[in-house]
Protein backbone atom coordinates (compact mmCIF):
# COMPACT_ATOMS: atom_id res chain seq x y z
CA UNK A 1 -4.95 67.85 48.23
CA UNK A 2 -2.12 69.84 49.87
CA UNK A 3 -1.59 69.43 53.57
CA UNK A 4 -2.95 71.98 55.98
CA UNK A 5 -0.60 74.74 57.15
CA UNK A 6 0.96 74.16 60.53
CA UNK A 7 0.80 70.38 60.24
CA UNK A 8 3.63 68.04 59.35
CA UNK A 9 3.58 64.73 57.59
CA UNK A 10 5.23 61.52 58.74
CA UNK A 11 8.35 62.30 56.72
CA UNK A 12 9.15 65.06 59.25
CA UNK A 13 9.53 62.59 62.16
CA UNK A 14 12.96 62.33 63.73
CA UNK A 15 14.05 58.76 62.96
CA UNK A 16 17.46 59.15 64.69
CA UNK A 17 16.12 59.94 68.16
CA UNK A 18 16.59 57.69 71.16
CA UNK A 19 14.39 54.62 71.46
CA UNK A 20 13.48 55.60 75.03
CA UNK A 21 9.94 57.03 75.37
CA UNK A 22 9.80 60.84 75.44
CA UNK A 23 7.00 62.22 77.57
CA UNK A 24 5.12 65.49 76.95
CA UNK A 25 7.45 68.25 78.10
CA UNK A 26 11.14 67.45 77.87
CA UNK A 27 11.45 68.27 81.55
CA UNK A 28 9.64 65.02 82.41
CA UNK A 29 12.06 62.82 80.48
CA UNK A 30 13.04 59.95 82.84
CA UNK A 31 16.76 60.48 82.28
CA UNK A 32 16.73 64.29 82.33
CA UNK A 33 14.21 65.35 84.96
CA UNK A 34 15.63 68.88 85.35
CA UNK A 35 16.61 69.64 81.77
CA UNK A 36 15.11 72.75 80.11
CA UNK A 37 12.26 72.34 77.67
CA UNK A 38 13.29 71.90 74.06
CA UNK A 39 10.98 72.00 71.04
CA UNK A 40 11.46 69.37 68.41
CA UNK A 41 10.05 69.60 64.88
CA UNK A 42 8.01 66.45 65.30
CA UNK A 43 4.35 65.83 64.92
CA UNK A 44 4.16 64.03 68.24
CA UNK A 45 6.41 64.09 71.32
CA UNK A 46 6.42 60.30 71.53
CA UNK A 47 8.84 60.04 68.62
CA UNK A 48 8.65 56.89 66.54
CA UNK A 49 6.60 55.04 69.15
CA UNK A 50 3.57 57.11 68.12
CA UNK A 51 3.02 58.56 64.61
CA UNK A 52 0.18 60.79 63.43
CA UNK A 53 -0.65 60.63 59.70
CA UNK A 54 -3.04 62.77 57.64
CA UNK A 55 -4.96 61.22 54.74
CA UNK A 56 -6.91 63.30 52.19
CA UNK A 57 -10.69 62.92 52.22
CA UNK A 58 -12.18 61.58 48.96
CA UNK A 59 -15.30 63.66 49.38
CA UNK A 60 -13.41 66.94 49.56
CA UNK A 61 -13.68 67.40 53.32
CA UNK A 62 -10.82 67.99 55.78
CA UNK A 63 -8.07 65.40 55.88
CA UNK A 64 -8.56 62.39 58.05
CA UNK A 65 -6.12 62.05 60.98
CA UNK A 66 -4.99 58.58 62.06
CA UNK A 67 -2.75 57.97 65.08
CA UNK A 68 -0.82 54.72 65.28
CA UNK A 69 0.69 53.53 68.58
CA UNK A 70 3.25 50.79 68.22
CA UNK A 71 3.02 47.83 70.59
CA UNK A 72 6.43 48.74 72.06
CA UNK A 73 4.97 51.61 74.09
CA UNK A 74 1.72 50.81 75.87
CA UNK A 75 -0.19 52.94 78.36
CA UNK A 76 1.25 50.77 81.12
CA UNK A 77 4.74 51.60 79.91
CA UNK A 78 3.86 55.27 79.89
CA UNK A 79 2.62 55.13 83.49
CA UNK A 80 5.77 53.25 84.54
CA UNK A 81 7.97 55.88 82.91
CA UNK A 82 6.02 58.65 84.64
CA UNK A 83 6.44 56.91 87.99
CA UNK A 84 10.16 56.43 87.36
CA UNK A 85 10.63 60.09 86.44
CA UNK A 86 8.76 61.15 89.58
CA UNK A 87 10.97 58.93 91.71
CA UNK A 88 14.14 60.34 90.14
CA UNK A 89 13.03 63.88 90.88
CA UNK A 90 12.88 63.02 94.57
CA UNK A 91 16.41 61.57 94.67
CA UNK A 92 19.46 63.62 95.77
CA UNK A 93 21.74 64.97 93.07
CA UNK A 94 24.44 62.45 93.97
CA UNK A 95 22.10 59.50 93.44
CA UNK A 96 20.88 60.88 90.12
CA UNK A 97 24.50 61.35 88.99
CA UNK A 98 25.24 57.75 89.93
CA UNK A 99 22.27 56.54 87.87
CA UNK A 100 23.38 58.69 84.95
CA UNK A 101 26.92 57.28 85.10
CA UNK A 102 25.64 53.70 85.37
CA UNK A 103 23.63 54.20 82.16
CA UNK A 104 26.60 55.67 80.29
CA UNK A 105 27.97 53.43 77.50
CA UNK A 106 31.51 53.83 78.94
CA UNK A 107 30.49 52.82 82.45
CA UNK A 108 32.58 49.63 82.35
CA UNK A 109 35.74 51.57 81.49
CA UNK A 110 34.96 54.20 84.14
CA UNK A 111 34.53 51.47 86.74
CA UNK A 112 37.84 49.93 85.62
CA UNK A 113 39.66 53.23 86.24
CA UNK A 114 38.15 53.53 89.74
CA UNK A 115 39.21 49.95 90.50
CA UNK A 116 42.74 50.58 89.21
CA UNK A 117 43.14 53.60 91.49
CA UNK A 118 41.98 51.60 94.49
CA UNK A 119 39.30 54.14 95.39
CA UNK A 120 41.78 57.04 95.64
CA UNK A 121 40.11 60.08 97.22
CA UNK A 122 42.02 62.63 95.11
CA UNK A 123 43.13 60.95 91.85
CA UNK A 124 45.33 62.82 89.40
CA UNK A 125 43.60 63.55 86.06
CA UNK A 126 45.84 63.13 83.02
CA UNK A 127 45.01 64.15 79.46
CA UNK A 128 47.01 63.77 76.28
CA UNK A 129 48.35 61.05 74.01
CA UNK A 130 51.40 58.87 73.60
CA UNK A 131 52.76 57.08 70.54
CA UNK A 132 55.45 54.40 70.38
CA UNK A 133 57.38 54.10 67.10
CA UNK A 134 59.80 51.51 65.85
CA UNK A 135 63.14 53.34 65.62
CA UNK A 136 64.24 51.27 62.64
CA UNK A 137 61.14 51.27 60.42
CA UNK A 138 59.14 54.16 61.87
CA UNK A 139 56.12 51.88 62.29
CA UNK A 140 53.64 52.86 64.98
CA UNK A 141 53.74 50.11 67.58
CA UNK A 142 51.28 51.58 70.04
CA UNK A 143 49.14 54.68 70.29
CA UNK A 144 47.05 55.80 73.25
CA UNK A 145 44.86 58.88 73.55
CA UNK A 146 42.86 59.94 76.59
CA UNK A 147 40.08 61.18 74.31
CA UNK A 148 38.80 57.61 74.25
CA UNK A 149 38.47 57.56 78.04
CA UNK A 150 35.37 58.61 79.99
CA UNK A 151 35.50 62.37 80.31
CA UNK A 152 38.64 62.34 78.09
CA UNK A 153 40.79 61.85 81.21
CA UNK A 154 42.92 59.08 82.71
CA UNK A 155 42.90 58.66 86.49
CA UNK A 156 45.96 57.61 88.52
CA UNK A 157 46.59 57.39 92.26
CA UNK A 158 47.67 60.47 94.22
CA UNK A 159 49.92 58.23 96.39
CA UNK A 160 49.67 60.51 99.40
CA UNK A 161 51.00 58.92 102.59
CA UNK A 162 48.71 60.80 104.99
CA UNK A 163 45.50 59.05 105.95
CA UNK A 164 43.81 62.40 106.59
CA UNK A 165 44.35 63.30 102.90
CA UNK A 166 43.74 59.94 101.20
CA UNK A 167 43.04 56.88 103.32
CA UNK A 168 43.26 54.28 100.46
CA UNK A 169 46.69 55.49 99.27
CA UNK A 170 47.91 55.73 102.87
CA UNK A 171 46.98 52.09 103.49
CA UNK A 172 48.68 51.06 100.26
CA UNK A 173 51.89 52.86 101.25
CA UNK A 174 51.83 51.29 104.72
CA UNK A 175 51.44 47.83 103.22
CA UNK A 176 54.26 48.42 100.73
CA UNK A 177 56.54 49.66 103.52
CA UNK A 178 55.84 46.56 105.61
CA UNK A 179 56.71 44.19 102.77
CA UNK A 180 59.85 46.13 101.84
CA UNK A 181 61.16 46.11 105.42
CA UNK A 182 60.27 42.44 105.83
CA UNK A 183 62.10 41.56 102.63
CA UNK A 184 65.16 43.45 103.87
CA UNK A 185 65.18 41.40 107.07
CA UNK A 186 64.11 37.94 105.93
CA UNK A 187 64.59 37.98 102.17
CA UNK A 188 62.19 38.05 99.27
CA UNK A 189 61.43 40.47 96.41
CA UNK A 190 64.82 39.81 94.76
CA UNK A 191 66.58 39.91 98.15
CA UNK A 192 68.34 36.60 99.05
CA UNK A 193 67.26 34.77 102.19
CA UNK A 194 70.85 34.89 103.49
CA UNK A 195 70.28 38.47 104.73
CA UNK A 196 68.62 37.04 107.85
CA UNK A 197 72.08 36.00 109.05
CA UNK A 198 73.67 39.43 108.50
CA UNK A 199 74.40 41.96 111.27
CA UNK A 200 71.18 43.91 111.76
CA UNK A 201 69.98 46.46 114.30
CA UNK A 202 66.68 48.07 115.17
CA UNK A 203 67.41 51.66 116.22
CA UNK A 204 65.25 54.23 117.98
CA UNK A 205 66.49 57.83 117.90
CA UNK A 206 64.46 60.38 119.84
CA UNK A 207 64.32 64.13 120.13
CA UNK A 208 65.90 65.70 123.23
CA UNK A 209 63.84 67.17 126.06
CA UNK A 210 62.68 70.75 125.61
CA UNK A 211 60.98 70.90 129.00
CA UNK A 212 58.84 68.68 131.27
CA UNK A 213 55.45 67.68 129.85
CA UNK A 214 52.45 65.77 131.21
CA UNK A 215 52.49 62.02 130.61
CA UNK A 216 49.99 59.18 130.91
CA UNK A 217 50.19 55.88 132.74
CA UNK A 218 51.39 56.18 136.35
CA UNK A 219 51.33 59.35 138.40
CA UNK A 220 52.47 62.29 136.30
CA UNK A 221 55.83 63.59 137.55
CA UNK A 222 55.31 63.25 141.33
CA UNK A 223 57.55 65.43 143.54
CA UNK A 224 57.94 65.43 147.29
CA UNK A 225 59.25 68.96 147.63
CA UNK A 226 56.33 70.47 145.68
CA UNK A 227 58.70 72.98 144.16
CA UNK A 228 57.76 75.66 141.71
CA UNK A 229 59.50 77.08 138.67
CA UNK A 230 60.62 80.67 138.31
CA UNK A 231 57.22 81.52 136.84
CA UNK A 232 55.36 80.28 139.93
CA UNK A 233 53.99 77.08 138.40
CA UNK A 234 54.44 73.66 140.10
CA UNK A 235 57.30 71.47 138.87
CA UNK A 236 55.23 68.31 139.29
CA UNK A 237 51.69 67.16 138.60
CA UNK A 238 50.92 64.01 140.59
CA UNK A 239 47.70 63.23 138.72
CA UNK A 240 47.01 60.04 136.75
CA UNK A 241 46.18 60.90 133.13
CA UNK A 242 44.46 58.60 130.66
CA UNK A 243 45.87 57.87 127.23
CA UNK A 244 43.21 60.09 125.61
CA UNK A 245 43.55 62.98 128.05
CA UNK A 246 44.23 66.13 125.98
CA UNK A 247 46.66 67.42 128.61
CA UNK A 248 49.09 64.57 127.89
CA UNK A 249 52.12 65.97 126.06
CA UNK A 250 51.43 69.57 127.11
CA UNK A 251 54.19 71.44 128.99
CA UNK A 252 53.93 71.82 132.75
CA UNK A 253 54.96 75.44 132.26
CA UNK A 254 54.50 77.04 128.85
CA UNK A 255 56.93 79.83 129.75
CA UNK A 256 59.71 77.40 130.69
CA UNK A 257 59.25 75.17 127.63
CA UNK A 258 61.85 75.84 124.92
CA UNK A 259 59.58 76.25 121.89
CA UNK A 260 62.28 77.82 119.63
CA UNK A 261 64.60 74.83 120.18
CA UNK A 262 61.67 72.46 119.58
CA UNK A 263 60.96 74.03 116.19
CA UNK A 264 64.60 74.35 115.12
CA UNK A 265 65.38 70.75 116.07
CA UNK A 266 62.61 69.43 113.82
CA UNK A 267 63.71 71.74 111.02
CA UNK A 268 67.18 70.13 111.16
CA UNK A 269 66.09 66.53 111.92
CA UNK A 270 66.86 65.45 108.34
CA UNK A 271 70.38 66.83 108.55
CA UNK A 272 70.87 65.09 111.90
CA UNK A 273 69.93 61.78 110.31
CA UNK A 274 72.31 62.29 107.38
CA UNK A 275 75.21 63.04 109.72
CA UNK A 276 74.28 60.06 111.87
CA UNK A 277 74.53 57.71 108.88
CA UNK A 278 77.88 59.21 107.85
CA UNK A 279 79.08 58.83 111.43
CA UNK A 280 78.17 55.12 111.53
CA UNK A 281 80.22 54.47 108.39
CA UNK A 282 83.17 56.39 109.78
CA UNK A 283 83.02 54.54 113.09
CA UNK A 284 82.98 51.18 111.32
CA UNK A 285 85.90 52.17 109.09
CA UNK A 286 87.92 53.36 112.08
CA UNK A 287 87.19 50.15 114.03
CA UNK A 288 88.30 48.04 111.04
CA UNK A 289 91.45 50.18 110.47
CA UNK A 290 90.21 51.31 107.07
CA UNK A 291 90.49 54.64 105.34
CA UNK A 292 87.06 56.24 105.71
CA UNK A 293 86.84 57.13 102.03
CA UNK A 294 87.41 53.44 101.15
CA UNK A 295 84.62 52.05 103.30
CA UNK A 296 82.33 51.53 100.28
CA UNK A 297 84.94 49.15 98.78
CA UNK A 298 84.58 46.77 101.73
CA UNK A 299 81.00 47.03 103.04
CA UNK A 300 77.64 48.69 102.55
CA UNK A 301 75.08 49.93 105.07
CA UNK A 302 71.37 49.64 104.23
CA UNK A 303 68.72 51.60 106.16
CA UNK A 304 64.95 51.66 106.39
CA UNK A 305 63.55 54.36 108.68
CA UNK A 306 60.15 55.64 109.80
CA UNK A 307 59.49 58.89 111.69
CA UNK A 308 56.73 58.79 114.30
CA UNK A 309 55.26 61.65 116.28
CA UNK A 310 55.08 61.40 120.05
CA UNK A 311 52.34 62.96 122.14
CA UNK A 312 54.64 65.87 122.97
CA UNK A 313 54.65 66.72 119.21
CA UNK A 314 58.24 65.58 118.83
CA UNK A 315 59.34 62.89 116.39
CA UNK A 316 61.40 59.85 117.07
CA UNK A 317 62.96 57.76 114.34
CA UNK A 318 62.69 53.98 114.08
CA UNK A 319 65.24 52.46 111.72
CA UNK A 320 66.48 49.04 110.67
CA UNK A 321 70.20 48.90 109.80
CA UNK A 322 71.82 46.01 107.92
CA UNK A 323 75.50 45.48 107.10
CA UNK A 324 76.26 43.85 103.72
CA UNK A 325 79.23 43.36 101.46
CA UNK A 326 80.30 46.00 98.92
CA UNK A 327 77.83 44.66 96.30
CA UNK A 328 74.76 44.85 98.54
CA UNK A 329 72.41 42.04 99.66
CA UNK A 330 73.97 39.49 97.32
CA UNK A 331 77.41 39.92 98.92
CA UNK A 332 78.50 38.68 102.33
CA UNK A 333 79.86 41.28 104.79
CA UNK A 334 83.59 41.29 105.61
CA UNK A 335 84.84 39.19 108.54
CA UNK A 336 85.17 42.24 110.79
CA UNK A 337 81.50 43.17 110.22
CA UNK A 338 79.81 41.80 113.34
CA UNK A 339 76.69 42.79 115.23
CA UNK A 340 78.71 43.98 118.24
CA UNK A 341 80.89 46.23 116.13
CA UNK A 342 77.85 47.63 114.34
CA UNK A 343 76.19 48.30 117.71
CA UNK A 344 79.21 50.18 119.00
CA UNK A 345 79.35 52.26 115.81
CA UNK A 346 75.66 53.18 116.07
CA UNK A 347 75.92 54.21 119.70
CA UNK A 348 79.06 56.24 119.14
CA UNK A 349 77.59 58.06 116.16
CA UNK A 350 74.31 58.83 117.94
CA UNK A 351 76.26 60.21 120.90
CA UNK A 352 78.62 62.44 118.89
CA UNK A 353 76.60 63.77 115.97
CA UNK A 354 75.41 67.37 116.22
CA UNK A 355 74.14 70.19 114.01
CA UNK A 356 74.76 73.85 114.80
CA UNK A 357 72.10 76.34 113.75
CA UNK A 358 72.97 79.71 112.18
CA UNK A 359 73.18 82.63 114.56
CA UNK A 360 69.95 84.44 115.32
CA UNK A 361 69.56 87.53 117.52
CA UNK A 362 66.51 85.92 119.14
CA UNK A 363 67.95 82.52 120.13
CA UNK A 364 71.65 82.74 119.25
CA UNK A 365 73.33 79.51 118.12
CA UNK A 366 71.98 76.13 119.13
CA UNK A 367 73.78 72.77 119.15
CA UNK A 368 71.17 70.18 118.13
CA UNK A 369 71.65 66.54 119.08
CA UNK A 370 69.70 63.33 119.43
CA UNK A 371 67.98 62.74 122.76
CA UNK A 372 69.80 60.98 125.60
CA UNK A 373 68.50 58.04 127.63
CA UNK A 374 69.93 56.85 130.89
CA UNK A 375 69.48 53.09 130.34
CA UNK A 376 70.00 52.01 126.73
CA UNK A 377 68.36 48.72 125.87
CA UNK A 378 69.75 45.94 123.70
CA UNK A 379 68.24 42.55 122.96
CA UNK A 380 69.01 39.82 120.47
CA UNK A 381 66.45 37.98 118.36
CA UNK A 382 67.72 35.52 115.73
CA UNK A 383 70.53 37.84 114.81
CA UNK A 384 68.36 40.99 115.12
CA UNK A 385 69.33 43.41 117.85
CA UNK A 386 67.82 46.64 119.10
CA UNK A 387 69.63 49.64 120.44
CA UNK A 388 68.25 52.93 121.67
CA UNK A 389 70.00 56.24 121.93
CA UNK A 390 72.03 56.31 125.14
């Protein structure tokens, strides 16, 4: 007897569907709680876990319907799936995305990429392929394609140094800088341990004063005469400010403070540093009676510097300077290369270097220099000395 219209036999069941139980209404699927409803040409929404068959009646009546439920999907399993779907619908979108990713077949590779980037906040997404051939035979030695990666993308670190942009990469850069500077002072990382006996200096170069500002610690700029500036504001403060007081670093008089010079000095700070380094080499060559252009044939200067902002929004530069032979760390410095001579060269260069800004109708020409200090400090520590700008 032919089958009734509108009914489908067991051969219409979708045998390639997922083994997970599908509940009535695709919207209630435990893994896709918000997905739109889709109609499948199946006799029963429970897929292969439940099959409905029609058998012809021998007495000529309507066909007999028999429903078979496999032992893999019991009513208890159905209730558990319903409860799980209800719980997922109450979760935030972020949590549901995390569950979806954890159930992805490529979850292990995705987790490996996150681990390799160190939890970078803004990783760079790369897509493409690369192939390595043997130049002699043309044989493919290695082929890589990002289409095999989760999302068809490869993640790498952004390597941003600012903690406000990416804290993990900022910590990584800070740790790398520490180890590089330490190796330059004590040896390690292909640097011989003999560098600890070389002439070395720790230098601090500051920005000049652009006007009096509030400071923390003791009484802020006490004055006995209680004078006032040309704008009628007091020249002193006398209060005791805490380290977190927002007024610390602010000018005593905003009209007296030289903001144009402040901005132009920072715009030319890199050029000031370059001329300072050139000046140190020239001072050493002159002290050793060498032609300045031949200094590289006798010695080499190595620097490691870090710029740090002060509370007055002005940078000061901390740098470590080491004097080596012409071939670098593996070569001993010449006999005339001593710590005292290097100290004199650094002080002389910091005192003399200057950068002149182009003429501007608003501010004219400015001669930019490093800041001056009245009492320069110098101390020795196992061959390591410190000098500040005089």
